[in-house]
Structures are given as C-alpha cells and as structure tokens.
Amino acid sequence: MARERLLKIGALNIVTHPHSAKNYINLFRTLQKEKLSIVLAEHYHCRVASLHLIEKEKPEKGLQGMLYKYLHIDENEEWLNSENNEVATKEELAKVTIPKHLLPGLTAFSFIFYPKSHKLIFEIVNEKGRSLGAQTAKKAFTRLFECDVIKNKFGDVLVHIESNKDILNQIYNIKSLESLTYEIVMPNADDHVKTERQVKARFAKHNILKENNKKTAMPGESLVLDKEDKNILFVAASNGFVQGKGKDNIGKPESHTTKNAPLEKRHYYDSDTQTRADAFEYKAGLINNDLVTDAQNNA
C-alpha cells in the first residue's frame, strides 16, 4: 500500500556582484570550509554543512547541503538542579562533561543551491515535522553571508525571499488600483532576462543599490499598467517587494503585497518507491526551472 508523504518547499534569491556561477560555487564552499556559525535566535546557532554536488564533477548543476540549527549552551550561565530546585553548584557542574564539538538540539533542513540561477530551494518542513519559515531562512543565510570572511572575499551578498507571483495578478486585478509601491534592490543580470539587465545597467550607471517607487492614480481613476510596468514589477517581486492598494467592484478597500506571500510549493511522493531526498531533489529542480522560465517570460 502506498505511503504518501508531503514536502513543503520555499525559495530564496541570492545576489552577489559580480555575478557568475563560479563565484556562487566558491561562496557556498567557503561557508562550509570555514565552518561558519551564527546566532539565529537566543540560544540557537546555525551553520551550513554536508555540502555535495547533485551531479558528479558538475558543480554548476547544483550544490545540495543542510542548514543545521542547534542549541548553543553558554557555560557561564547558571544551571538548575531539578532534584532540589536549587541553582547547581560548581561541584555539580564539574561533573558535566560534554565535548565542545558535540552540539545538542539539532534540527536539519535540506537545501539545493543552483549557481546558474542563484536560487536556493529549501525545506519549509523537514522529515521530523520541524519548520523553517522563509523569514528565518533569509535571516540565517543573511547572517552567514555577513561574516567577515565572506564579506572580505565576496563583498555584500544579498538574500531575497522568492514571493508567490500570483500576488502580482491579484494586484493587477484590483478594480480601481489607486496606488502602487515597489522596491528594487540591484538584481543580477541573468541571461535572456532583458528587464533585469536593463535595471542593473541603470542602477550601475547612477550608483544605485536600492530604489523605491510609488505611483498614485488621479482622483477617481485607476492606474493603467503596460507590459514594461509589469516586467519591472516582476523583477521587484524577486528583488524587493510590490504592494498595490485600491478598491474592489463594490468600493471596498483592497490591498495585496508580495511582502507577506513567500513562495510555497507542495509535493506529494510515495515513500515506498522514492526516498525523501530523491523527491526533494526532483521537486527542487522543477521549482528552479519554473523560476527561471517565469523570469524569461515575464521580465
């Protein structure tokens, strides 16, 4: 009897300047080689490990790894003796011998990074049912990339959450679109993505890192968006955010934003015929291909 299992998967857009697959490969290999660890939340640290190629001798095809989150114990903090409900004494603590290289409370999440598209596809829910939200994933990788050894070698590395692009259609379908706000951080100029190349060239020419724009409709009118506008907004959705406000067909306020709508894909697989790792690799590849194709068709 088939045993159906569910994968929940999200995506990040990793941006470096200069932009090349080789640079991205070196970036992730450095993360692992240096054994970088950062504070993710109070008492929790995280690091990247178990990095390997998804296709032998072809790193440009993708790097698969694990994001490890684990408990960091401050040896200088007090401990509780639960038998007498008293603060543990120095003598009692002296009996505690945990090797420094053993780190408790481990939670692991799989990811695959595709150097050519610079997309990182990750597990939102792991095999044990533990969750890694898009904001937490962004925070983890942002802080890892902010480590001195990374900044000194690769400069600023930016992390954006890939949003659900259906939100753009919801904005476009607002009956009376009264205002449109969007932010773009300098994107990478990927092959066959004309608008990204144009935006990056303009940003570079004027020394722009981040640009914020707002369009407001004339009183009683609705904004009219053409193909060029929508191409720009598609780039913003992967490299910033888009927000539209207006009124529906009965005059009720309506608002949509990509800020609160991270991409989330679901994939069911039969655990009797396919391993979780194989199912994740398969679905991650499809998601990456879809993101690339959507960018080529819409930007």
Protein backbone atom coordinates (compact mmCIF):
# COMPACT_ATOMS: atom_id res chain seq x y z
CA MET A 1 0.00 0.00 0.00
CA ALA A 2 1.37 3.40 -1.00
CA ARG A 3 2.52 5.68 1.81
CA GLU A 4 2.04 9.24 0.66
CA ARG A 5 4.32 11.87 2.17
CA LEU A 6 4.30 15.65 1.79
CA LEU A 7 7.14 18.07 1.05
CA LYS A 8 6.75 21.81 1.65
CA ILE A 9 9.36 23.84 -0.17
CA GLY A 10 10.35 27.52 -0.36
CA ALA A 11 12.94 29.53 -2.28
CA LEU A 12 15.45 32.34 -1.81
CA ASN A 13 17.16 34.53 -4.39
CA ILE A 14 20.87 35.00 -3.59
CA VAL A 15 22.53 38.04 -5.18
CA THR A 16 26.23 38.88 -5.47
CA HIS A 17 28.07 41.44 -7.57
CA PRO A 18 29.98 40.48 -9.65
CA HIS A 19 27.69 37.70 -10.77
CA SER A 20 28.94 34.33 -12.00
CA ALA A 21 28.20 30.66 -11.35
CA LYS A 22 31.83 30.14 -10.30
CA ASN A 23 31.60 32.92 -7.74
CA TYR A 24 28.44 31.41 -6.23
CA ILE A 25 30.03 27.94 -6.06
CA ASN A 26 33.04 29.37 -4.22
CA LEU A 27 30.70 31.28 -1.89
CA PHE A 28 28.95 28.15 -0.64
CA ARG A 29 32.13 26.10 -0.50
CA THR A 30 33.64 28.82 1.68
CA LEU A 31 30.63 28.70 4.02
CA GLN A 32 31.31 25.02 4.65
CA LYS A 33 35.10 25.13 4.64
CA GLU A 34 35.24 27.88 7.25
CA LYS A 35 32.63 26.12 9.45
CA LEU A 36 30.91 29.45 9.94
CA SER A 37 28.32 29.58 12.69
CA ILE A 38 25.98 32.45 13.50
CA VAL A 39 23.44 33.34 16.17
CA LEU A 40 20.00 32.72 14.71
CA ALA A 41 17.96 33.34 17.85
CA GLU A 42 18.53 33.36 21.58
CA HIS A 43 20.37 30.12 22.47
CA TYR A 44 20.24 28.88 18.85
CA HIS A 45 23.03 28.95 16.29
CA CYS A 46 23.13 27.66 12.72
CA ARG A 47 25.61 26.69 10.02
CA VAL A 48 25.81 25.15 6.54
CA ALA A 49 27.26 21.64 6.25
CA SER A 50 27.13 18.35 4.31
CA LEU A 51 27.61 20.19 1.02
CA HIS A 52 27.92 17.98 -2.05
CA LEU A 53 27.29 18.06 -5.81
CA ILE A 54 23.94 16.85 -7.12
CA GLU A 55 25.76 15.78 -10.31
CA LYS A 56 29.29 14.44 -10.12
CA GLU A 57 32.02 16.82 -11.36
CA LYS A 58 29.42 19.40 -12.42
CA PRO A 59 29.11 21.96 -9.58
CA GLU A 60 27.25 24.38 -11.86
CA LYS A 61 24.32 21.91 -11.87
CA GLY A 62 23.71 22.44 -8.16
CA LEU A 63 25.03 22.11 -4.63
CA GLN A 64 22.99 20.21 -2.07
CA GLY A 65 23.52 20.74 1.63
CA MET A 66 21.99 21.06 5.06
CA LEU A 67 21.19 24.07 7.17
CA TYR A 68 21.81 22.95 10.74
CA LYS A 69 20.15 24.72 13.67
CA TYR A 70 21.32 23.70 17.12
CA LEU A 71 21.29 24.74 20.76
CA HIS A 72 24.18 26.86 21.99
CA ILE A 73 24.86 26.42 25.69
CA ASP A 74 26.57 29.28 27.47
CA GLU A 75 28.80 27.62 30.04
CA ASN A 76 28.80 30.78 32.13
CA GLU A 77 25.05 30.70 32.70
CA GLU A 78 23.57 29.13 35.80
CA TRP A 79 22.10 25.62 35.73
CA LEU A 80 19.13 24.27 37.65
CA ASN A 81 19.31 21.14 39.79
CA SER A 82 15.81 19.77 39.18
CA GLU A 83 16.03 17.34 42.12
CA ASN A 84 16.24 20.06 44.78
CA ASN A 85 15.07 23.05 42.69
CA GLU A 86 18.27 24.88 43.58
CA VAL A 87 20.93 26.52 41.47
CA ALA A 88 23.53 23.87 40.62
CA THR A 89 26.82 24.24 42.46
CA LYS A 90 30.25 24.45 40.86
CA GLU A 91 30.97 20.98 42.19
CA GLU A 92 27.88 19.56 40.48
CA LEU A 93 28.67 21.33 37.22
CA ALA A 94 32.21 20.00 37.31
CA LYS A 95 30.73 16.54 36.79
CA VAL A 96 29.13 17.61 33.50
CA THR A 97 31.43 16.66 30.65
CA ILE A 98 30.04 17.34 27.20
CA PRO A 99 32.73 17.55 24.47
CA LYS A 100 32.75 21.02 22.90
CA HIS A 101 32.34 19.58 19.41
CA LEU A 102 29.01 17.92 20.30
CA LEU A 103 26.15 20.37 19.83
CA PRO A 104 22.69 19.49 21.20
CA GLY A 105 19.17 20.21 19.96
CA LEU A 106 19.95 19.65 16.29
CA THR A 107 17.34 20.40 13.64
CA ALA A 108 18.35 19.91 9.99
CA PHE A 109 16.82 21.27 6.78
CA SER A 110 17.83 20.26 3.25
CA PHE A 111 18.53 22.81 0.56
CA ILE A 112 19.81 22.87 -3.01
CA PHE A 113 21.55 25.91 -4.44
CA TYR A 114 21.61 26.38 -8.22
CA PRO A 115 24.62 28.56 -9.15
CA LYS A 116 23.40 29.50 -12.65
CA SER A 117 20.07 30.88 -11.45
CA HIS A 118 21.35 31.77 -7.93
CA LYS A 119 18.16 30.29 -6.46
CA LEU A 120 18.26 28.41 -3.16
CA ILE A 121 15.44 25.89 -2.73
CA PHE A 122 14.86 24.74 0.85
CA GLU A 123 12.64 22.56 3.01
CA ILE A 124 9.99 24.52 4.88
CA VAL A 125 9.12 21.43 6.92
CA ASN A 126 11.70 18.71 7.49
CA GLU A 127 11.23 14.95 7.90
CA LYS A 128 10.59 15.30 11.64
CA GLY A 129 7.93 17.98 11.15
CA ARG A 130 10.08 20.90 12.30
CA SER A 131 9.52 24.17 10.42
CA LEU A 132 11.83 26.68 8.77
CA GLY A 133 9.88 29.74 7.63
CA ALA A 134 11.02 31.88 4.73
CA GLN A 135 11.89 34.80 7.03
CA THR A 136 14.01 32.54 9.25
CA ALA A 137 15.78 31.03 6.23
CA LYS A 138 16.51 34.53 4.91
CA LYS A 139 17.80 35.61 8.33
CA ALA A 140 20.06 32.56 8.61
CA PHE A 141 21.74 32.97 5.22
CA THR A 142 21.92 36.76 5.52
CA ARG A 143 23.81 36.48 8.80
CA LEU A 144 26.10 33.77 7.44
CA PHE A 145 26.94 35.97 4.45
CA GLU A 146 27.64 38.89 6.81
CA CYS A 147 30.54 37.05 8.44
CA ASP A 148 33.84 38.86 7.88
CA VAL A 149 35.47 36.01 5.98
CA ILE A 150 32.60 36.09 3.45
CA LYS A 151 32.35 39.90 3.16
CA ASN A 152 36.11 40.24 2.70
CA LYS A 153 36.13 37.70 -0.13
CA PHE A 154 32.76 38.18 -1.83
CA GLY A 155 31.56 41.64 -0.75
CA ASP A 156 27.91 42.18 0.14
CA VAL A 157 25.73 39.14 -0.50
CA LEU A 158 22.00 39.90 -0.53
CA VAL A 159 19.20 37.46 0.22
CA HIS A 160 15.63 37.91 -1.04
CA ILE A 161 12.62 35.70 -0.43
CA GLU A 162 11.07 34.43 -3.65
CA SER A 163 7.47 35.55 -3.49
CA ASN A 164 4.30 33.99 -4.79
CA LYS A 165 3.99 35.73 -8.16
CA ASP A 166 0.22 35.13 -8.13
CA ILE A 167 0.09 38.19 -5.86
CA LEU A 168 1.06 40.32 -8.86
CA ASN A 169 -2.04 39.16 -10.73
CA GLN A 170 -4.16 39.96 -7.66
CA ILE A 171 -2.73 43.49 -7.73
CA TYR A 172 -3.37 43.83 -11.46
CA ASN A 173 -6.97 42.67 -10.95
CA ILE A 174 -7.84 45.29 -8.34
CA LYS A 175 -10.85 47.01 -9.92
CA SER A 176 -9.66 50.50 -9.03
CA LEU A 177 -5.88 50.43 -8.49
CA GLU A 178 -5.21 53.67 -6.65
CA SER A 179 -1.58 53.26 -5.63
CA LEU A 180 1.36 51.03 -6.42
CA THR A 181 4.52 50.89 -4.32
CA TYR A 182 7.57 48.81 -5.11
CA GLU A 183 11.20 48.42 -4.13
CA ILE A 184 14.02 47.02 -6.24
CA VAL A 185 17.47 46.13 -4.94
CA MET A 186 20.06 45.85 -7.72
CA PRO A 187 19.38 42.48 -9.39
CA ASN A 188 21.75 40.16 -11.18
CA ALA A 189 21.64 40.39 -14.94
CA ASP A 190 20.76 36.82 -15.87
CA ASP A 191 20.98 35.57 -19.44
CA HIS A 192 17.79 36.03 -21.50
CA VAL A 193 16.18 38.28 -18.86
CA LYS A 194 16.14 41.64 -20.63
CA THR A 195 14.50 43.77 -17.94
CA GLU A 196 16.93 42.60 -15.24
CA ARG A 197 19.85 43.57 -17.49
CA GLN A 198 18.33 46.98 -18.14
CA VAL A 199 17.62 47.63 -14.45
CA LYS A 200 21.11 46.57 -13.40
CA ALA A 201 22.73 48.73 -16.10
CA ARG A 202 20.72 51.78 -14.99
CA PHE A 203 21.49 51.15 -11.32
CA ALA A 204 25.20 50.75 -12.06
CA LYS A 205 25.28 53.90 -14.18
CA HIS A 206 23.76 56.01 -11.39
CA ASN A 207 25.40 54.18 -8.43
CA ILE A 208 22.01 52.94 -7.18
CA LEU A 209 21.80 49.99 -4.80
CA LYS A 210 18.12 50.24 -3.90
CA GLU A 211 15.25 52.16 -5.43
CA ASN A 212 11.76 52.83 -4.05
CA ASN A 213 8.92 53.99 -6.28
CA LYS A 214 5.27 54.90 -5.78
CA LYS A 215 2.61 55.55 -8.40
CA THR A 216 -0.65 57.25 -7.40
CA ALA A 217 -3.68 57.37 -9.66
CA MET A 218 -5.55 60.59 -10.45
CA PRO A 219 -8.67 61.08 -8.26
CA GLY A 220 -11.43 58.70 -9.32
CA GLU A 221 -9.17 56.87 -11.80
CA SER A 222 -7.31 53.54 -11.80
CA LEU A 223 -3.64 53.08 -12.66
CA VAL A 224 -3.04 51.59 -16.10
CA LEU A 225 -0.06 49.24 -16.27
CA ASP A 226 1.60 48.30 -19.54
CA LYS A 227 3.96 45.43 -20.37
CA GLU A 228 7.03 47.42 -19.35
CA ASP A 229 5.50 48.26 -15.96
CA LYS A 230 4.68 44.61 -15.31
CA ASN A 231 8.19 43.49 -16.30
CA ILE A 232 9.66 45.90 -13.74
CA LEU A 233 7.24 44.70 -11.07
CA PHE A 234 8.19 41.07 -11.78
CA VAL A 235 11.84 41.95 -11.14
CA ALA A 236 10.84 43.78 -7.95
CA ALA A 237 8.93 40.74 -6.69
CA SER A 238 12.18 38.71 -6.66
CA ASN A 239 14.49 41.55 -5.64
CA GLY A 240 12.42 43.62 -3.21
CA PHE A 241 8.64 43.85 -2.93
CA VAL A 242 5.46 45.07 -4.62
CA GLN A 243 2.31 46.44 -2.96
CA GLY A 244 -0.92 47.55 -4.59
CA LYS A 245 -3.88 49.30 -2.96
CA GLY A 246 -7.27 50.30 -4.25
CA LYS A 247 -10.96 49.36 -4.16
CA ASP A 248 -12.90 46.37 -5.40
CA ASN A 249 -16.03 46.48 -7.59
CA ILE A 250 -18.26 47.49 -4.65
CA GLY A 251 -15.90 50.17 -3.35
CA LYS A 252 -14.38 48.11 -0.54
CA PRO A 253 -10.65 48.72 0.18
CA GLU A 254 -8.41 46.03 -1.29
CA SER A 255 -4.67 45.60 -0.77
CA HIS A 256 -2.11 42.96 -1.77
CA THR A 257 1.65 42.73 -1.24
CA THR A 258 4.38 40.24 -2.03
CA LYS A 259 5.95 41.01 1.37
CA ASN A 260 3.61 38.61 3.15
CA ALA A 261 3.42 35.97 0.43
CA PRO A 262 6.54 33.80 0.21
CA LEU A 263 6.61 31.11 -2.45
CA GLU A 264 5.49 27.77 -1.01
CA LYS A 265 5.25 24.65 -3.14
CA ARG A 266 3.84 21.28 -2.08
CA HIS A 267 4.88 17.93 -3.45
CA TYR A 268 3.49 14.50 -2.59
CA TYR A 269 5.60 11.39 -3.03
CA ASP A 270 5.31 7.66 -2.31
CA SER A 271 7.82 6.75 0.41
CA ASP A 272 7.65 3.09 -0.69
CA THR A 273 9.12 3.88 -4.10
CA GLN A 274 11.06 7.11 -3.57
CA THR A 275 13.28 8.45 -0.82
CA ARG A 276 12.59 11.85 0.67
CA ALA A 277 15.99 13.07 -0.58
CA ASP A 278 15.23 11.99 -4.16
CA ALA A 279 11.76 13.54 -4.01
CA PHE A 280 13.19 16.81 -2.72
CA GLU A 281 15.87 16.91 -5.42
CA TYR A 282 13.28 16.22 -8.11
CA LYS A 283 10.82 18.89 -6.94
CA ALA A 284 13.57 21.43 -6.24
CA GLY A 285 14.75 21.07 -9.83
CA LEU A 286 11.23 21.70 -11.13
CA ILE A 287 10.82 24.78 -8.93
CA ASN A 288 14.15 26.20 -10.07
CA ASN A 289 13.28 25.60 -13.73
CA ASP A 290 9.89 27.28 -13.24
CA LEU A 291 11.50 30.34 -11.62
CA VAL A 292 13.96 30.66 -14.50
CA THR A 293 11.26 30.20 -17.15
CA ASP A 294 8.91 32.68 -15.45
CA ALA A 295 11.68 35.28 -15.32
CA GLN A 296 12.45 34.80 -19.00
CA ASN A 297 8.76 35.09 -19.95
CA ASN A 298 7.85 37.97 -17.65
CA ALA A 299 10.95 40.10 -17.25
